[in-house]
Protein backbone atom coordinates (compact mmCIF):
# COMPACT_ATOMS: atom_id res chain seq x y z
CA MET A 1 -15.11 -5.59 -20.05
CA HIS A 2 -18.19 -5.21 -17.86
CA LYS A 3 -17.31 -8.45 -16.06
CA LYS A 4 -13.75 -7.27 -15.42
CA SER A 5 -15.04 -3.93 -14.08
CA ARG A 6 -17.32 -5.71 -11.62
CA GLU A 7 -14.42 -7.93 -10.63
CA LEU A 8 -12.27 -4.88 -9.90
CA LEU A 9 -15.05 -3.26 -7.88
CA ASP A 10 -15.42 -6.43 -5.81
CA GLU A 11 -11.68 -6.47 -5.14
CA PHE A 12 -11.64 -2.83 -4.02
CA ARG A 13 -14.72 -3.34 -1.90
CA VAL A 14 -12.68 -5.83 0.12
CA LEU A 15 -9.94 -3.21 0.56
CA LEU A 16 -12.17 -0.29 1.49
CA ALA A 17 -14.88 -1.95 3.53
CA GLY A 18 -15.08 -4.24 6.49
CA ARG A 19 -12.81 -4.53 9.43
CA ASN A 20 -9.53 -3.19 8.03
CA SER A 21 -10.34 -0.07 6.03
CA PHE A 22 -7.32 1.65 4.48
CA LEU A 23 -9.20 4.95 4.93
CA ASP A 24 -8.05 5.01 8.56
CA ALA A 25 -4.48 5.49 7.38
CA ILE A 26 -5.26 7.58 4.29
CA LEU A 27 -7.53 10.39 5.51
CA PRO A 28 -5.29 11.86 8.28
CA PRO A 29 -2.57 12.86 5.74
CA VAL A 30 -5.28 14.41 3.52
CA VAL A 31 -6.51 16.49 6.46
CA PHE A 32 -2.91 17.46 7.18
CA LEU A 33 -2.44 18.69 3.62
CA LEU A 34 -5.62 20.78 3.65
CA LEU A 35 -5.01 22.36 7.06
CA ASN A 36 -1.35 22.99 6.28
CA SER A 37 -2.33 24.79 3.06
CA PHE A 38 -5.20 26.89 4.42
CA VAL A 39 -4.61 27.28 8.17
CA SER A 40 -1.19 26.51 9.68
CA PHE A 41 1.33 23.75 10.18
CA GLN A 42 0.43 23.37 13.87
CA ALA A 43 -3.28 23.08 13.01
CA ALA A 44 -2.40 20.48 10.37
CA MET A 45 -0.51 18.30 12.86
CA TRP A 46 -3.22 18.45 15.52
CA GLY A 47 -5.99 17.98 12.97
CA ALA A 48 -4.36 14.82 11.58
CA LEU A 49 -3.80 13.48 15.10
CA ILE A 50 -7.37 14.17 16.24
CA LEU A 51 -8.82 12.48 13.14
CA SER A 52 -6.62 9.40 13.60
CA ILE A 53 -7.70 9.18 17.26
CA ILE A 54 -11.36 9.42 16.19
CA PHE A 55 -10.83 6.53 13.76
CA ALA A 56 -9.25 4.45 16.52
CA ALA A 57 -12.11 5.24 18.92
CA VAL A 58 -14.74 4.25 16.33
CA ARG A 59 -12.94 0.97 15.67
CA LEU A 60 -12.75 0.30 19.40
CA LEU A 61 -16.45 1.02 19.94
CA ASN A 62 -17.38 -1.26 17.03
CA LYS A 63 -15.04 -3.98 18.29
CA GLN A 64 -13.16 -3.96 14.98
CA SER A 65 -9.50 -4.32 14.09
CA LEU A 66 -7.38 -1.37 15.19
CA SER A 67 -4.43 -2.11 12.92
CA TYR A 68 -4.80 0.75 10.42
CA ALA A 69 -6.30 3.22 12.89
CA LEU A 70 -3.50 2.71 15.43
CA GLY A 71 -1.01 2.89 12.58
CA GLY A 72 -2.40 6.30 11.71
CA VAL A 73 -2.19 7.51 15.32
CA GLY A 74 1.33 6.14 15.71
CA SER A 75 2.62 7.69 12.49
CA VAL A 76 1.23 11.14 13.33
CA LEU A 77 2.59 10.99 16.91
CA LEU A 78 6.00 9.93 15.63
CA ALA A 79 5.98 12.73 13.06
CA MET A 80 5.07 15.29 15.73
CA ALA A 81 7.90 14.01 17.93
CA VAL A 82 10.38 14.37 15.06
CA VAL A 83 9.22 17.95 14.44
CA TRP A 84 9.64 18.75 18.13
CA ILE A 85 13.14 17.22 18.26
CA PHE A 86 14.49 18.82 15.07
CA GLY A 87 12.48 22.03 15.26
CA LYS A 88 11.70 21.98 11.53
CA SER A 89 8.28 21.54 9.95
CA GLU A 90 9.64 19.29 7.20
CA GLY A 91 10.60 16.85 9.95
CA PHE A 92 6.94 15.77 9.89
CA PHE A 93 7.77 13.79 6.77
CA ILE A 94 10.90 12.00 8.06
CA PRO A 95 9.00 8.89 9.30
CA GLY A 96 7.36 8.57 5.88
CA LEU A 97 10.72 8.89 4.14
CA VAL A 98 12.26 6.26 6.38
CA SER A 99 9.35 3.82 5.90
CA GLY A 100 9.45 4.47 2.16
CA GLY A 101 13.16 3.68 2.04
CA VAL A 102 12.67 0.52 4.09
CA THR A 103 9.79 -0.59 1.84
CA LEU A 104 11.95 -0.05 -1.24
CA LEU A 105 14.77 -2.08 0.33
CA ILE A 106 12.41 -4.94 1.23
CA THR A 107 11.02 -4.92 -2.31
CA ILE A 108 14.51 -5.19 -3.82
CA ILE A 109 15.55 -7.97 -1.43
CA SER A 110 12.36 -9.92 -2.15
CA LEU A 111 13.17 -9.87 -5.86
CA ILE A 112 16.78 -10.91 -5.29
CA ILE A 113 15.81 -13.94 -3.19
CA ARG A 114 13.01 -14.80 -5.68
CA ARG A 115 10.25 -14.39 -3.13
CA PRO A 116 8.48 -11.28 -4.54
CA MET A 117 6.82 -8.96 -2.07
CA MET A 118 3.52 -8.88 -3.96
CA ALA A 119 3.21 -12.62 -3.46
CA TRP A 120 3.52 -12.12 0.29
CA THR A 121 0.90 -9.35 0.35
CA SER A 122 -1.47 -11.54 -1.68
CA TYR A 123 -0.84 -14.46 0.66
CA ILE A 124 -1.62 -12.32 3.73
CA ALA A 125 -4.86 -11.05 2.17
CA ARG A 126 -6.10 -14.28 0.55
CA ARG A 127 -4.41 -17.11 2.49
CA TRP A 128 -3.82 -19.15 -0.64
CA PRO A 129 -1.17 -21.90 -0.25
CA LEU A 130 2.20 -20.17 0.05
CA ASN A 131 3.95 -22.77 -2.10
CA TRP A 132 1.55 -21.97 -4.95
CA TYR A 133 3.12 -18.53 -5.30
CA TRP A 134 6.58 -20.10 -5.79
CA HIS A 135 5.46 -22.36 -8.63
CA PRO A 136 7.67 -21.63 -11.69
CA GLN A 137 4.58 -20.88 -13.78
CA VAL A 138 3.09 -18.56 -11.17
CA ARG A 139 5.98 -16.69 -9.54
CA PRO A 140 6.99 -14.66 -12.64
CA ALA A 141 3.67 -12.80 -12.56
CA TYR A 142 4.27 -11.70 -8.97
CA SER A 143 7.92 -10.87 -9.67
CA GLU A 144 7.01 -8.60 -12.57
CA VAL A 145 4.30 -6.81 -10.60
CA THR A 146 6.70 -6.45 -7.66
CA LEU A 147 9.26 -4.89 -10.00
CA ALA A 148 6.67 -2.31 -11.09
CA TRP A 149 5.93 -1.46 -7.45
CA GLY A 150 9.66 -1.24 -6.76
CA LEU A 151 10.06 1.35 -9.52
CA PHE A 152 7.14 3.30 -8.07
CA PHE A 153 8.61 3.18 -4.54
CA ALA A 154 12.00 4.33 -5.88
CA ALA A 155 10.53 7.26 -7.82
CA LYS A 156 8.41 8.29 -4.82
CA PHE A 157 11.37 8.12 -2.44
CA LEU A 158 13.69 10.11 -4.69
CA LEU A 159 11.06 12.80 -5.29
CA GLN A 160 10.23 13.22 -1.62
CA TYR A 161 13.88 13.14 -0.54
CA SER A 162 14.63 15.92 -3.02
CA LEU A 163 11.74 18.02 -1.70
CA PHE A 164 12.84 17.31 1.88
CA GLN A 165 16.35 18.54 1.08
CA ASP A 166 14.80 21.75 -0.29
CA ALA A 167 12.67 22.10 2.88
CA ASN A 168 9.60 22.44 0.65
CA THR A 169 6.86 21.48 3.12
CA ASP A 170 3.92 22.35 0.88
CA MET A 171 5.20 20.28 -2.04
CA LEU A 172 6.12 17.45 0.33
CA ALA A 173 2.54 17.36 1.59
CA MET A 174 1.18 17.50 -1.95
CA SER A 175 3.48 14.74 -3.20
CA THR A 176 2.57 12.59 -0.19
CA LEU A 177 -1.09 12.94 -1.09
CA ILE A 178 -0.70 12.34 -4.84
CA THR A 179 1.67 9.38 -4.47
CA GLY A 180 -0.55 8.01 -1.72
CA TRP A 181 -4.09 6.88 -2.43
CA PRO A 182 -4.52 8.21 -6.02
CA ALA A 183 -1.28 6.67 -7.34
CA THR A 184 -1.70 3.53 -5.25
CA THR A 185 -5.23 2.98 -6.55
CA LEU A 186 -4.09 3.32 -10.15
CA LEU A 187 -1.17 0.96 -9.59
CA LEU A 188 -3.42 -1.56 -7.84
CA ILE A 189 -5.76 -1.59 -10.83
CA VAL A 190 -2.89 -2.02 -13.31
CA SER A 191 -1.30 -4.69 -11.10
CA TYR A 192 -4.52 -6.68 -10.89
CA LEU A 193 -5.26 -6.48 -14.62
CA TYR A 194 -1.70 -7.32 -15.64
CA GLY A 195 -1.25 -9.94 -12.92
CA THR A 196 -4.40 -11.91 -13.78
CA TRP A 197 -3.56 -11.70 -17.49
CA ARG A 198 -0.01 -12.86 -16.84
CA LEU A 199 -1.13 -15.83 -14.74
CA VAL A 200 -3.29 -17.04 -17.61
CA ASN A 201 -0.45 -16.37 -20.07
CA LEU A 202 1.96 -18.44 -17.94
CA ALA A 203 -0.48 -21.39 -18.09
CA GLY A 204 0.29 -22.42 -14.54
CA PRO A 205 -2.10 -24.14 -12.11
CA SER A 206 -4.95 -22.31 -10.45
CA VAL A 207 -5.05 -22.37 -6.66
CA ASP A 208 -7.66 -25.15 -6.69
CA GLU A 209 -5.68 -27.17 -9.23
CA PHE A 210 -2.54 -26.78 -7.13
CA GLN A 211 -4.29 -27.82 -3.93
CA ASN A 212 -5.83 -30.89 -5.60
CA ASN A 213 -2.59 -31.90 -7.38
CA ILE A 214 -4.30 -31.79 -10.78
CA PRO A 215 -1.76 -32.41 -13.58
CA ALA A 216 -1.20 -30.10 -16.55
CA PRO A 217 -2.64 -28.74 -18.74
CA TRP A 218 -4.12 -26.22 -16.29
CA THR A 219 -6.86 -23.62 -16.63
CA SER A 220 -4.73 -21.13 -14.60
CA GLN A 221 -5.87 -18.66 -11.94
CA ARG A 222 -8.35 -16.38 -13.68
CA ARG A 223 -9.67 -14.32 -10.77
CA GLY A 224 -7.82 -12.83 -7.86
CA PHE A 225 -4.19 -11.84 -7.64
């Protein structure tokens, strides 16, 4: 158990630290929620935008990747433009609803064509051989985890669409926060634990065994997902 806990911490350290911190994209919505609740909607928009610009500036000064920081700036600017066009505060959440719907659609399509989205995200992060993910004794693990994420994306989209229809800005902000980093962290932990267990259960080749064409029986991939 202690070993698995350290393994999880190492995995999250990769996500949170280094040159592509998710915090750049996470903290601006948190600031928006707090300012919207205790100050005003206008202050919330400008506060989120200023924070995202600060993140981008820090990345630029440190000569680091701007991907998440610029994503945060772009999403806040787009949301502000939507509010200005429609004249409604709940319009701030339209870009998030659209991206959530698109993500759900991509997840469903990836399952239909038997190229699960979680395999692609793992490939982008780890650069393991792409064909390894499509091995018949590997792919089911990624398909099952992708299905779990698809259910999460669907529940999140339906909840936020319902709140958007009711023009409930405060609850929209709260749901965006709760279904953001807290829910994502929990689902990442469950995905990693289930995924690594399922890979061993499937008795497929590990990445090294696949790359070296080692015949079965295999030891399976026991760390990393």
